Amino acid sequence: MAESHEVVLLELINLNTFVPHLPKEGTFDENEEQAKSAIILANNKLLELAIEKCETTLFVTYTGGQQSTNAVDDPMSLRIQMPEIYNVLWDFCMDQNKLDLDCRVLMNTEDFKDKSSVIKENQVTLIINSGLEIDTACLQSKDLPSSVQVVTFQDQLKDFVAGDRYVLYDNYHARPMPKYQHLCLGGTFDQLHNGHKKLLTVGIQMCTEKMVIGITGDEMLKKKKNREMIQSIKHRMSNVEKFVKSMRSDIEYDILEISDPWGPAIVRPELEAIVVSSETIGGARMINEMRNEKKMKPLATMAVLRSNIHTLSSTFVRNNSKSSQTNKL
């Protein structure tokens, strides 16, 4: 990993980028949806990595140029993406304790300065982009002054563009939500917060018959930091049960303790889908690999974008909520 730089330019992957190798089967609309889901997740990871590398000013734009066929030229896309990029940047700045970082989002339109001007006028010394084969419009070292370094992050993005089929719930390009009779999800669910509720709600929305919820057992948490502050398995299971049953009562809930990372997902052939947070897509892939070894059908994967990572966490809730201070279990 390169050292940090004062002024950095980050090129996000253009949402119009064609991703030919992502799903190998499916309709055009399904493949386009998959590609955009992968790019959204990869771009969020790039934003996180860029903040790690930047000390003073971070310029954010997309690959391609103002006249490029790879440019983001849909006005509605621009309106949706720009505010969201600023939201994600603030989230990661908080998480990395870089609230003084000056972030500036440039869009690939004639209203904004082109990248060459930005690089020259602001003494950019580092450019970050995906470096992926699909991202053919990204800036290369040969196109830049010798003082500018280019860093790519193919390895850190491989979980998102490895070819697995999944749907990103937060992808506004997505089709209507799929439905499954039997689906599963899992987690620790300590200090049940809005991030947990988002995951559970997606599961409730997709399920038509039975939803299996695996909750990390106390034995698995023995080596976890601040283990003594985590709520008991009984308390966590009770909180999850109360929440889901208050939301919907016409499906069955199987809420159980799990003693390994995979839980029922690798032993129940009737399961059809799994809901995961965006940072655990790699885990869903491993589950499907194990199911394949056991001659079981792979699980359809619905990924939920993790957001507000600094404040939307069990640790933050535990340290700041009144109930946690008075009812530590």
C-alpha atoms as a PDB file:
ATOM      1  CA  MET A   1       0.000   0.000   0.000  1.00  0.00           C
ATOM      2  CA  ALA A   2       1.350   3.415  -0.947  1.00  0.00           C
ATOM      3  CA  GLU A   3       1.902   6.185   1.562  1.00  0.00           C
ATOM      4  CA  SER A   4      -0.745   8.853   2.094  1.00  0.00           C
ATOM      5  CA  HIS A   5      -0.907  11.939  -0.149  1.00  0.00           C
ATOM      6  CA  GLU A   6      -2.077  15.495   0.399  1.00  0.00           C
ATOM      7  CA  VAL A   7      -4.236  15.795  -2.738  1.00  0.00           C
ATOM      8  CA  VAL A   8      -5.840  12.737  -4.328  1.00  0.00           C
ATOM      9  CA  LEU A   9      -8.112  12.193  -7.328  1.00  0.00           C
ATOM     10  CA  LEU A  10     -10.412   9.156  -7.161  1.00  0.00           C
ATOM     11  CA  GLU A  11     -12.016   7.765 -10.313  1.00  0.00           C
ATOM     12  CA  LEU A  12     -15.117   5.764  -9.520  1.00  0.00           C
ATOM     13  CA  ILE A  13     -16.267   3.095 -11.953  1.00  0.00           C
ATOM     14  CA  ASN A  14     -18.843   4.541 -14.303  1.00  0.00           C
ATOM     15  CA  LEU A  15     -22.313   3.073 -13.767  1.00  0.00           C
ATOM     16  CA  ASN A  16     -22.659   2.729 -17.535  1.00  0.00           C
ATOM     17  CA  THR A  17     -19.633   0.444 -17.692  1.00  0.00           C
ATOM     18  CA  PHE A  18     -20.345  -2.857 -19.424  1.00  0.00           C
ATOM     19  CA  VAL A  19     -19.440  -5.855 -17.246  1.00  0.00           C
ATOM     20  CA  PRO A  20     -19.459  -8.780 -19.697  1.00  0.00           C
ATOM     21  CA  HIS A  21     -18.257 -11.531 -17.368  1.00  0.00           C
ATOM     22  CA  LEU A  22     -20.497 -10.927 -14.341  1.00  0.00           C
ATOM     23  CA  PRO A  23     -23.500 -13.211 -14.673  1.00  0.00           C
ATOM     24  CA  LYS A  24     -23.089 -15.884 -17.333  1.00  0.00           C
ATOM     25  CA  GLU A  25     -26.793 -16.519 -17.610  1.00  0.00           C
ATOM     26  CA  GLY A  26     -29.968 -14.512 -17.242  1.00  0.00           C
ATOM     27  CA  THR A  27     -31.875 -11.922 -19.225  1.00  0.00           C
ATOM     28  CA  PHE A  28     -30.310  -8.664 -20.387  1.00  0.00           C
ATOM     29  CA  ASP A  29     -32.186  -6.747 -17.681  1.00  0.00           C
ATOM     30  CA  GLU A  30     -30.987  -9.175 -14.992  1.00  0.00           C
ATOM     31  CA  ASN A  31     -27.391  -8.899 -16.191  1.00  0.00           C
ATOM     32  CA  GLU A  32     -27.546  -5.110 -16.304  1.00  0.00           C
ATOM     33  CA  GLU A  33     -28.980  -5.046 -12.788  1.00  0.00           C
ATOM     34  CA  GLN A  34     -26.201  -7.359 -11.588  1.00  0.00           C
ATOM     35  CA  ALA A  35     -23.504  -5.217 -13.193  1.00  0.00           C
ATOM     36  CA  LYS A  36     -24.773  -2.002 -11.618  1.00  0.00           C
ATOM     37  CA  SER A  37     -25.050  -3.697  -8.210  1.00  0.00           C
ATOM     38  CA  ALA A  38     -21.420  -4.818  -8.470  1.00  0.00           C
ATOM     39  CA  ILE A  39     -20.239  -1.359  -9.512  1.00  0.00           C
ATOM     40  CA  ILE A  40     -22.104   0.390  -6.676  1.00  0.00           C
ATOM     41  CA  LEU A  41     -20.463  -1.869  -4.085  1.00  0.00           C
ATOM     42  CA  ALA A  42     -17.029  -1.586  -5.695  1.00  0.00           C
ATOM     43  CA  ASN A  43     -17.317   2.213  -5.772  1.00  0.00           C
ATOM     44  CA  ASN A  44     -18.177   2.346  -2.077  1.00  0.00           C
ATOM     45  CA  LYS A  45     -15.054   0.331  -1.342  1.00  0.00           C
ATOM     46  CA  LEU A  46     -12.990   2.701  -3.502  1.00  0.00           C
ATOM     47  CA  LEU A  47     -14.325   5.688  -1.530  1.00  0.00           C
ATOM     48  CA  GLU A  48     -13.265   4.041   1.727  1.00  0.00           C
ATOM     49  CA  LEU A  49      -9.771   3.238   0.405  1.00  0.00           C
ATOM     50  CA  ALA A  50      -9.295   6.715  -1.063  1.00  0.00           C
ATOM     51  CA  ILE A  51     -10.033   8.370   2.258  1.00  0.00           C
ATOM     52  CA  GLU A  52      -7.399   6.168   3.879  1.00  0.00           C
ATOM     53  CA  LYS A  53      -4.830   7.460   1.370  1.00  0.00           C
ATOM     54  CA  CYS A  54      -5.756  11.156   1.429  1.00  0.00           C
ATOM     55  CA  GLU A  55      -4.629  13.754   3.959  1.00  0.00           C
ATOM     56  CA  THR A  56      -6.022  17.095   2.785  1.00  0.00           C
ATOM     57  CA  THR A  57      -8.184  17.204  -0.362  1.00  0.00           C
ATOM     58  CA  LEU A  58      -9.981  14.392  -2.177  1.00  0.00           C
ATOM     59  CA  PHE A  59     -11.472  14.965  -5.630  1.00  0.00           C
ATOM     60  CA  VAL A  60     -13.998  12.337  -6.720  1.00  0.00           C
ATOM     61  CA  THR A  61     -15.122  11.784 -10.297  1.00  0.00           C
ATOM     62  CA  TYR A  62     -15.949   8.926 -12.674  1.00  0.00           C
ATOM     63  CA  THR A  63     -13.845   7.127 -15.254  1.00  0.00           C
ATOM     64  CA  GLY A  64     -14.235   8.461 -18.745  1.00  0.00           C
ATOM     65  CA  GLY A  65     -14.357  12.087 -19.791  1.00  0.00           C
ATOM     66  CA  GLN A  66     -16.883  14.741 -20.636  1.00  0.00           C
ATOM     67  CA  GLN A  67     -17.112  13.586 -24.247  1.00  0.00           C
ATOM     68  CA  SER A  68     -16.575   9.893 -23.518  1.00  0.00           C
ATOM     69  CA  THR A  69     -19.116   7.220 -24.385  1.00  0.00           C
ATOM     70  CA  ASN A  70     -18.309   5.931 -20.908  1.00  0.00           C
ATOM     71  CA  ALA A  71     -19.507   9.148 -19.262  1.00  0.00           C
ATOM     72  CA  VAL A  72     -22.364   9.403 -16.820  1.00  0.00           C
ATOM     73  CA  ASP A  73     -24.657  11.565 -18.905  1.00  0.00           C
ATOM     74  CA  ASP A  74     -28.098  10.734 -17.569  1.00  0.00           C
ATOM     75  CA  PRO A  75     -29.307  13.842 -15.665  1.00  0.00           C
ATOM     76  CA  MET A  76     -31.357  11.762 -13.243  1.00  0.00           C
ATOM     77  CA  SER A  77     -28.372   9.518 -12.500  1.00  0.00           C
ATOM     78  CA  LEU A  78     -26.303  12.604 -11.742  1.00  0.00           C
ATOM     79  CA  ARG A  79     -28.952  13.955  -9.385  1.00  0.00           C
ATOM     80  CA  ILE A  80     -29.136  10.676  -7.487  1.00  0.00           C
ATOM     81  CA  GLN A  81     -25.439   9.834  -7.397  1.00  0.00           C
ATOM     82  CA  MET A  82     -23.828  13.108  -6.339  1.00  0.00           C
ATOM     83  CA  PRO A  83     -25.666  13.520  -2.995  1.00  0.00           C
ATOM     84  CA  GLU A  84     -25.171   9.842  -2.230  1.00  0.00           C
ATOM     85  CA  ILE A  85     -21.423  10.097  -2.844  1.00  0.00           C
ATOM     86  CA  TYR A  86     -21.190  12.969  -0.367  1.00  0.00           C
ATOM     87  CA  ASN A  87     -23.175  10.934   2.175  1.00  0.00           C
ATOM     88  CA  VAL A  88     -20.870   7.939   1.826  1.00  0.00           C
ATOM     89  CA  LEU A  89     -17.774  10.147   2.007  1.00  0.00           C
ATOM     90  CA  TRP A  90     -18.978  11.689   5.266  1.00  0.00           C
ATOM     91  CA  ASP A  91     -19.717   8.253   6.671  1.00  0.00           C
ATOM     92  CA  PHE A  92     -16.212   6.979   5.952  1.00  0.00           C
ATOM     93  CA  CYS A  93     -14.606  10.235   7.128  1.00  0.00           C
ATOM     94  CA  MET A  94     -16.345   9.809  10.474  1.00  0.00           C
ATOM     95  CA  ASP A  95     -15.288   6.190  10.705  1.00  0.00           C
ATOM     96  CA  GLN A  96     -11.651   7.041   9.963  1.00  0.00           C
ATOM     97  CA  ASN A  97     -11.628  10.176  12.134  1.00  0.00           C
ATOM     98  CA  LYS A  98     -10.954  12.449   9.154  1.00  0.00           C
ATOM     99  CA  LEU A  99     -13.672  15.037   9.512  1.00  0.00           C
ATOM    100  CA  ASP A 100     -11.306  17.767   8.285  1.00  0.00           C
ATOM    101  CA  LEU A 101     -10.782  16.061   4.924  1.00  0.00           C
ATOM    102  CA  ASP A 102     -11.902  18.339   2.095  1.00  0.00           C
ATOM    103  CA  CYS A 103     -13.985  16.186  -0.286  1.00  0.00           C
ATOM    104  CA  ARG A 104     -15.085  17.545  -3.684  1.00  0.00           C
ATOM    105  CA  VAL A 105     -17.306  15.595  -6.094  1.00  0.00           C
ATOM    106  CA  LEU A 106     -16.854  16.413  -9.787  1.00  0.00           C
ATOM    107  CA  MET A 107     -19.266  15.057 -12.390  1.00  0.00           C
ATOM    108  CA  ASN A 108     -18.325  14.213 -15.978  1.00  0.00           C
ATOM    109  CA  THR A 109     -20.259  17.016 -17.618  1.00  0.00           C
ATOM    110  CA  GLU A 110     -19.301  20.245 -19.358  1.00  0.00           C
ATOM    111  CA  ASP A 111     -20.343  22.166 -16.242  1.00  0.00           C
ATOM    112  CA  PHE A 112     -17.250  20.944 -14.374  1.00  0.00           C
ATOM    113  CA  LYS A 113     -13.525  21.259 -14.951  1.00  0.00           C
ATOM    114  CA  ASP A 114     -11.925  18.348 -16.763  1.00  0.00           C
ATOM    115  CA  LYS A 115      -9.562  16.007 -14.920  1.00  0.00           C
ATOM    116  CA  SER A 116      -6.409  17.361 -16.534  1.00  0.00           C
ATOM    117  CA  SER A 117      -7.138  20.840 -15.202  1.00  0.00           C
ATOM    118  CA  VAL A 118      -7.985  19.524 -11.733  1.00  0.00           C
ATOM    119  CA  ILE A 119      -4.774  17.488 -11.585  1.00  0.00           C
ATOM    120  CA  LYS A 120      -2.589  20.391 -12.715  1.00  0.00           C
ATOM    121  CA  GLU A 121      -4.221  23.221 -10.765  1.00  0.00           C
ATOM    122  CA  ASN A 122      -4.429  21.327  -7.469  1.00  0.00           C
ATOM    123  CA  GLN A 123      -1.095  19.494  -7.581  1.00  0.00           C
ATOM    124  CA  VAL A 124      -2.660  16.060  -7.411  1.00  0.00           C
ATOM    125  CA  THR A 125       0.038  13.469  -6.681  1.00  0.00           C
ATOM    126  CA  LEU A 126      -2.077  10.326  -6.435  1.00  0.00           C
ATOM    127  CA  ILE A 127      -4.845   8.937  -8.626  1.00  0.00           C
ATOM    128  CA  ILE A 128      -6.875   5.982  -7.403  1.00  0.00           C
ATOM    129  CA  ASN A 129      -9.053   3.797  -9.600  1.00  0.00           C
ATOM    130  CA  SER A 130     -10.231   0.210  -9.764  1.00  0.00           C
ATOM    131  CA  GLY A 131      -7.660  -1.015 -12.268  1.00  0.00           C
ATOM    132  CA  LEU A 132     -10.188  -3.649 -13.339  1.00  0.00           C
ATOM    133  CA  GLU A 133     -10.191  -4.849 -16.936  1.00  0.00           C
ATOM    134  CA  ILE A 134     -13.782  -3.665 -17.314  1.00  0.00           C
ATOM    135  CA  ASP A 135     -12.787  -0.117 -16.362  1.00  0.00           C
ATOM    136  CA  THR A 136     -11.093   0.678 -19.658  1.00  0.00           C
ATOM    137  CA  ALA A 137     -11.567   4.448 -19.450  1.00  0.00           C
ATOM    138  CA  CYS A 138      -9.611   4.950 -16.230  1.00  0.00           C
ATOM    139  CA  LEU A 139      -6.522   7.142 -16.261  1.00  0.00           C
ATOM    140  CA  GLN A 140      -3.202   5.389 -16.794  1.00  0.00           C
ATOM    141  CA  SER A 141       0.310   6.415 -15.720  1.00  0.00           C
ATOM    142  CA  LYS A 142       1.323   6.949 -19.351  1.00  0.00           C
ATOM    143  CA  ASP A 143      -1.303   9.687 -19.673  1.00  0.00           C
ATOM    144  CA  LEU A 144      -0.123  11.667 -16.648  1.00  0.00           C
ATOM    145  CA  PRO A 145       2.786  13.824 -15.457  1.00  0.00           C
ATOM    146  CA  SER A 146       5.657  11.818 -13.960  1.00  0.00           C
ATOM    147  CA  SER A 147       4.895  13.331 -10.536  1.00  0.00           C
ATOM    148  CA  VAL A 148       1.498  11.625 -10.411  1.00  0.00           C
ATOM    149  CA  GLN A 149       1.222   8.075  -9.133  1.00  0.00           C
ATOM    150  CA  VAL A 150      -1.643   5.711 -10.014  1.00  0.00           C
ATOM    151  CA  VAL A 151      -2.786   3.127  -7.476  1.00  0.00           C
ATOM    152  CA  THR A 152      -5.330   0.414  -8.231  1.00  0.00           C
ATOM    153  CA  PHE A 153      -7.238  -1.954  -5.958  1.00  0.00           C
ATOM    154  CA  GLN A 154      -8.229  -5.030  -7.973  1.00  0.00           C
ATOM    155  CA  ASP A 155      -7.753  -7.423  -5.044  1.00  0.00           C
ATOM    156  CA  GLN A 156      -9.920  -5.413  -2.662  1.00  0.00           C
ATOM    157  CA  LEU A 157     -12.759  -5.319  -5.208  1.00  0.00           C
ATOM    158  CA  LYS A 158     -12.775  -8.975  -6.230  1.00  0.00           C
ATOM    159  CA  ASP A 159     -15.623  -9.977  -3.903  1.00  0.00           C
ATOM    160  CA  PHE A 160     -17.945  -7.594  -5.725  1.00  0.00           C
ATOM    161  CA  VAL A 161     -17.051  -8.414  -9.340  1.00  0.00           C
ATOM    162  CA  ALA A 162     -16.067 -12.071  -9.084  1.00  0.00           C
ATOM    163  CA  GLY A 163     -18.941 -13.309 -11.223  1.00  0.00           C
ATOM    164  CA  ASP A 164     -21.415 -14.263  -8.502  1.00  0.00           C
ATOM    165  CA  ARG A 165     -25.039 -13.409  -9.104  1.00  0.00           C
ATOM    166  CA  TYR A 166     -26.561 -11.246  -6.410  1.00  0.00           C
ATOM    167  CA  VAL A 167     -29.032  -8.411  -6.154  1.00  0.00           C
ATOM    168  CA  LEU A 168     -28.212  -5.216  -4.289  1.00  0.00           C
ATOM    169  CA  TYR A 169     -31.318  -4.046  -2.464  1.00  0.00           C
ATOM    170  CA  ASP A 170     -30.082  -0.440  -2.574  1.00  0.00           C
ATOM    171  CA  ASN A 171     -29.648  -0.469  -6.379  1.00  0.00           C
ATOM    172  CA  TYR A 172     -32.239   1.948  -7.743  1.00  0.00           C
ATOM    173  CA  HIS A 173     -31.846   0.276 -11.165  1.00  0.00           C
ATOM    174  CA  ALA A 174     -33.142  -3.020  -9.759  1.00  0.00           C
ATOM    175  CA  ARG A 175     -36.311  -4.747 -10.855  1.00  0.00           C
ATOM    176  CA  PRO A 176     -39.136  -5.538  -8.402  1.00  0.00           C
ATOM    177  CA  MET A 177     -38.098  -7.575  -5.365  1.00  0.00           C
ATOM    178  CA  PRO A 178     -37.936 -11.352  -5.933  1.00  0.00           C
ATOM    179  CA  LYS A 179     -39.919 -13.635  -3.620  1.00  0.00           C
ATOM    180  CA  TYR A 180     -38.815 -16.929  -2.055  1.00  0.00           C
ATOM    181  CA  GLN A 181     -40.679 -19.477   0.037  1.00  0.00           C
ATOM    182  CA  HIS A 182     -37.700 -20.253   2.290  1.00  0.00           C
ATOM    183  CA  LEU A 183     -34.827 -17.891   2.982  1.00  0.00           C
ATOM    184  CA  CYS A 184     -32.220 -17.331   5.669  1.00  0.00           C
ATOM    185  CA  LEU A 185     -30.003 -14.672   7.190  1.00  0.00           C
ATOM    186  CA  GLY A 186     -27.763 -14.436  10.220  1.00  0.00           C
ATOM    187  CA  GLY A 187     -25.824 -12.209  12.559  1.00  0.00           C
ATOM    188  CA  THR A 188     -24.975 -11.397  16.151  1.00  0.00           C
ATOM    189  CA  PHE A 189     -27.822  -8.874  16.531  1.00  0.00           C
ATOM    190  CA  ASP A 190     -26.320  -7.294  19.648  1.00  0.00           C
ATOM    191  CA  GLN A 191     -28.067  -4.056  20.652  1.00  0.00           C
ATOM    192  CA  LEU A 192     -30.627  -4.545  17.879  1.00  0.00           C
ATOM    193  CA  HIS A 193     -30.249  -1.362  15.815  1.00  0.00           C
ATOM    194  CA  ASN A 194     -31.475   0.067  12.524  1.00  0.00           C
ATOM    195  CA  GLY A 195     -28.822  -1.744  10.487  1.00  0.00           C
ATOM    196  CA  HIS A 196     -30.061  -5.080  11.841  1.00  0.00           C
ATOM    197  CA  LYS A 197     -33.651  -4.011  11.265  1.00  0.00           C
ATOM    198  CA  LYS A 198     -32.905  -3.118   7.649  1.00  0.00           C
ATOM    199  CA  LEU A 199     -31.478  -6.607   7.062  1.00  0.00           C
ATOM    200  CA  LEU A 200     -34.420  -8.306   8.785  1.00  0.00           C
ATOM    201  CA  THR A 201     -36.960  -6.155   6.954  1.00  0.00           C
ATOM    202  CA  VAL A 202     -35.513  -7.114   3.565  1.00  0.00           C
ATOM    203  CA  GLY A 203     -35.855 -10.761   4.551  1.00  0.00           C
ATOM    204  CA  ILE A 204     -39.444 -10.238   5.681  1.00  0.00           C
ATOM    205  CA  GLN A 205     -40.241  -8.499   2.391  1.00  0.00           C
ATOM    206  CA  MET A 206     -38.797 -11.322   0.269  1.00  0.00           C
ATOM    207  CA  CYS A 207     -40.162 -14.333   2.200  1.00  0.00           C
ATOM    208  CA  THR A 208     -43.497 -16.022   1.516  1.00  0.00           C
ATOM    209  CA  GLU A 209     -43.445 -19.015   3.914  1.00  0.00           C
ATOM    210  CA  LYS A 210     -40.526 -19.516   6.307  1.00  0.00           C
ATOM    211  CA  MET A 211     -37.639 -17.277   7.353  1.00  0.00           C
ATOM    212  CA  VAL A 212     -34.670 -18.866   9.134  1.00  0.00           C
ATOM    213  CA  ILE A 213     -32.648 -16.493  11.321  1.00  0.00           C
ATOM    214  CA  GLY A 214     -29.325 -17.695  12.726  1.00  0.00           C
ATOM    215  CA  ILE A 215     -28.015 -15.798  15.754  1.00  0.00           C
ATOM    216  CA  THR A 216     -24.380 -16.095  16.782  1.00  0.00           C
ATOM    217  CA  GLY A 217     -24.098 -18.148  19.966  1.00  0.00           C
ATOM    218  CA  ASP A 218     -22.152 -17.136  23.057  1.00  0.00           C
ATOM    219  CA  GLU A 219     -19.524 -19.822  22.387  1.00  0.00           C
ATOM    220  CA  MET A 220     -18.602 -18.222  19.039  1.00  0.00           C
ATOM    221  CA  LEU A 221     -18.194 -14.822  20.705  1.00  0.00           C
ATOM    222  CA  LYS A 222     -15.667 -15.860  23.360  1.00  0.00           C
ATOM    223  CA  LYS A 223     -12.744 -14.273  21.513  1.00  0.00           C
ATOM    224  CA  LYS A 224     -14.639 -11.172  20.395  1.00  0.00           C
ATOM    225  CA  LYS A 225     -13.448  -7.845  21.779  1.00  0.00           C
ATOM    226  CA  ASN A 226     -15.520  -6.604  24.748  1.00  0.00           C
ATOM    227  CA  ARG A 227     -17.291  -9.944  24.854  1.00  0.00           C
ATOM    228  CA  GLU A 228     -18.539  -9.270  28.386  1.00  0.00           C
ATOM    229  CA  MET A 229     -20.544  -6.283  27.107  1.00  0.00           C
ATOM    230  CA  ILE A 230     -22.455  -8.223  24.429  1.00  0.00           C
ATOM    231  CA  GLN A 231     -26.021  -9.142  25.309  1.00  0.00           C
ATOM    232  CA  SER A 232     -26.763 -12.783  26.067  1.00  0.00           C
ATOM    233  CA  ILE A 233     -27.984 -15.118  23.322  1.00  0.00           C
ATOM    234  CA  LYS A 234     -31.359 -15.350  25.053  1.00  0.00           C
ATOM    235  CA  HIS A 235     -31.740 -11.562  25.091  1.00  0.00           C
ATOM    236  CA  ARG A 236     -30.666 -11.186  21.457  1.00  0.00           C
ATOM    237  CA  MET A 237     -32.965 -13.948  20.236  1.00  0.00           C
ATOM    238  CA  SER A 238     -35.870 -12.405  22.128  1.00  0.00           C
ATOM    239  CA  ASN A 239     -35.264  -8.967  20.613  1.00  0.00           C
ATOM    240  CA  VAL A 240     -35.144 -10.375  17.080  1.00  0.00           C
ATOM    241  CA  GLU A 241     -38.302 -12.412  17.610  1.00  0.00           C
ATOM    242  CA  LYS A 242     -40.235  -9.434  18.966  1.00  0.00           C
ATOM    243  CA  PHE A 243     -39.155  -7.275  16.044  1.00  0.00           C
ATOM    244  CA  VAL A 244     -39.975  -9.653  13.183  1.00  0.00           C
ATOM    245  CA  LYS A 245     -43.309 -10.746  14.651  1.00  0.00           C
ATOM    246  CA  SER A 246     -44.337  -7.134  15.118  1.00  0.00           C
ATOM    247  CA  MET A 247     -43.694  -6.548  11.411  1.00  0.00           C
ATOM    248  CA  ARG A 248     -45.383  -9.563   9.841  1.00  0.00           C
ATOM    249  CA  SER A 249     -47.305 -12.544  11.197  1.00  0.00           C
ATOM    250  CA  ASP A 250     -48.350 -14.581   8.146  1.00  0.00           C
ATOM    251  CA  ILE A 251     -44.981 -16.338   7.709  1.00  0.00           C
ATOM    252  CA  GLU A 252     -43.111 -18.735   9.997  1.00  0.00           C
ATOM    253  CA  TYR A 253     -39.911 -17.700  11.798  1.00  0.00           C
ATOM    254  CA  ASP A 254     -37.250 -20.200  12.813  1.00  0.00           C
ATOM    255  CA  ILE A 255     -34.903 -18.286  15.128  1.00  0.00           C
ATOM    256  CA  LEU A 256     -31.996 -20.417  16.290  1.00  0.00           C
ATOM    257  CA  GLU A 257     -28.540 -20.208  17.825  1.00  0.00           C
ATOM    258  CA  ILE A 258     -25.635 -20.987  15.488  1.00  0.00           C
ATOM    259  CA  SER A 259     -22.236 -22.313  16.519  1.00  0.00           C
ATOM    260  CA  ASP A 260     -20.353 -21.755  13.235  1.00  0.00           C
ATOM    261  CA  PRO A 261     -20.318 -19.028  10.560  1.00  0.00           C
ATOM    262  CA  TRP A 262     -22.512 -20.997   8.156  1.00  0.00           C
ATOM    263  CA  GLY A 263     -25.404 -22.174  10.302  1.00  0.00           C
ATOM    264  CA  PRO A 264     -28.408 -23.775   8.571  1.00  0.00           C
ATOM    265  CA  ALA A 265     -27.450 -22.281   5.187  1.00  0.00           C
ATOM    266  CA  ILE A 266     -25.224 -25.261   4.351  1.00  0.00           C
ATOM    267  CA  VAL A 267     -27.433 -28.057   5.693  1.00  0.00           C
ATOM    268  CA  ARG A 268     -30.989 -27.189   4.692  1.00  0.00           C
ATOM    269  CA  PRO A 269     -31.652 -28.002   1.027  1.00  0.00           C
ATOM    270  CA  GLU A 270     -35.074 -26.331   1.049  1.00  0.00           C
ATOM    271  CA  LEU A 271     -33.525 -22.874   1.506  1.00  0.00           C
ATOM    272  CA  GLU A 272     -33.689 -20.758  -1.649  1.00  0.00           C
ATOM    273  CA  ALA A 273     -32.132 -17.415  -0.757  1.00  0.00           C
ATOM    274  CA  ILE A 274     -29.905 -15.608   1.722  1.00  0.00           C
ATOM    275  CA  VAL A 275     -29.849 -11.953   2.789  1.00  0.00           C
ATOM    276  CA  VAL A 276     -26.402 -10.537   3.638  1.00  0.00           C
ATOM    277  CA  SER A 277     -24.831  -7.163   4.280  1.00  0.00           C
ATOM    278  CA  SER A 278     -22.607  -5.849   1.500  1.00  0.00           C
ATOM    279  CA  GLU A 279     -19.350  -6.599   3.323  1.00  0.00           C
ATOM    280  CA  THR A 280     -20.211 -10.301   3.675  1.00  0.00           C
ATOM    281  CA  ILE A 281     -20.922 -11.136   0.020  1.00  0.00           C
ATOM    282  CA  GLY A 282     -17.767 -13.248   0.076  1.00  0.00           C
ATOM    283  CA  GLY A 283     -19.320 -15.347   2.842  1.00  0.00           C
ATOM    284  CA  ALA A 284     -22.407 -15.971   0.701  1.00  0.00           C
ATOM    285  CA  ARG A 285     -20.127 -17.215  -2.074  1.00  0.00           C
ATOM    286  CA  MET A 286     -18.444 -19.661   0.300  1.00  0.00           C
ATOM    287  CA  ILE A 287     -21.836 -20.922   1.462  1.00  0.00           C
ATOM    288  CA  ASN A 288     -22.833 -21.636  -2.114  1.00  0.00           C
ATOM    289  CA  GLU A 289     -19.560 -23.417  -2.753  1.00  0.00           C
ATOM    290  CA  MET A 290     -20.276 -25.694   0.218  1.00  0.00           C
ATOM    291  CA  ARG A 291     -23.853 -26.242  -0.931  1.00  0.00           C
ATOM    292  CA  ASN A 292     -22.564 -27.190  -4.358  1.00  0.00           C
ATOM    293  CA  GLU A 293     -20.265 -29.800  -2.787  1.00  0.00           C
ATOM    294  CA  LYS A 294     -23.307 -31.259  -1.054  1.00  0.00           C
ATOM    295  CA  LYS A 295     -25.343 -31.284  -4.300  1.00  0.00           C
ATOM    296  CA  MET A 296     -27.722 -28.591  -3.019  1.00  0.00           C
ATOM    297  CA  LYS A 297     -29.003 -25.715  -5.129  1.00  0.00           C
ATOM    298  CA  PRO A 298     -27.163 -22.416  -4.639  1.00  0.00           C
ATOM    299  CA  LEU A 299     -28.867 -19.679  -2.660  1.00  0.00           C
ATOM    300  CA  ALA A 300     -29.984 -16.535  -4.419  1.00  0.00           C
ATOM    301  CA  THR A 301     -28.147 -13.669  -2.694  1.00  0.00           C
ATOM    302  CA  MET A 302     -29.724 -10.347  -1.731  1.00  0.00           C
ATOM    303  CA  ALA A 303     -27.094  -7.876  -0.512  1.00  0.00           C
ATOM    304  CA  VAL A 304     -27.980  -4.892   1.670  1.00  0.00           C
ATOM    305  CA  LEU A 305     -25.634  -1.921   1.516  1.00  0.00           C
ATOM    306  CA  ARG A 306     -24.055  -1.185   4.875  1.00  0.00           C
ATOM    307  CA  SER A 307     -24.427   2.501   5.710  1.00  0.00           C
ATOM    308  CA  ASN A 308     -23.630   4.900   8.551  1.00  0.00           C
ATOM    309  CA  ILE A 309     -20.864   2.523   9.593  1.00  0.00           C
ATOM    310  CA  HIS A 310     -19.535   4.841  12.309  1.00  0.00           C
ATOM    311  CA  THR A 311     -22.769   5.337  14.232  1.00  0.00           C
ATOM    312  CA  LEU A 312     -24.901   2.403  13.055  1.00  0.00           C
ATOM    313  CA  SER A 313     -23.083  -0.269  15.042  1.00  0.00           C
ATOM    314  CA  SER A 314     -23.633  -2.262  18.201  1.00  0.00           C
ATOM    315  CA  THR A 315     -20.567  -0.681  19.800  1.00  0.00           C
ATOM    316  CA  PHE A 316     -21.806   2.864  19.197  1.00  0.00           C
ATOM    317  CA  VAL A 317     -25.290   2.036  20.490  1.00  0.00           C
ATOM    318  CA  ARG A 318     -23.851   0.297  23.537  1.00  0.00           C
ATOM    319  CA  ASN A 319     -21.696   3.294  24.398  1.00  0.00           C
ATOM    320  CA  ASN A 320     -24.329   5.950  23.814  1.00  0.00           C
ATOM    321  CA  SER A 321     -27.843   4.668  24.494  1.00  0.00           C
ATOM    322  CA  LYS A 322     -29.468   5.199  27.877  1.00  0.00           C
ATOM    323  CA  SER A 323     -30.907   1.692  27.985  1.00  0.00           C
ATOM    324  CA  SER A 324     -27.468   0.135  27.449  1.00  0.00           C
ATOM    325  CA  GLN A 325     -26.035   2.099  30.331  1.00  0.00           C
ATOM    326  CA  THR A 326     -28.734   0.903  32.734  1.00  0.00           C
ATOM    327  CA  ASN A 327     -29.437  -2.608  31.419  1.00  0.00           C
ATOM    328  CA  LYS A 328     -26.117  -4.253  30.610  1.00  0.00           C
ATOM    329  CA  LEU A 329     -26.703  -7.997  30.403  1.00  0.00           C
END
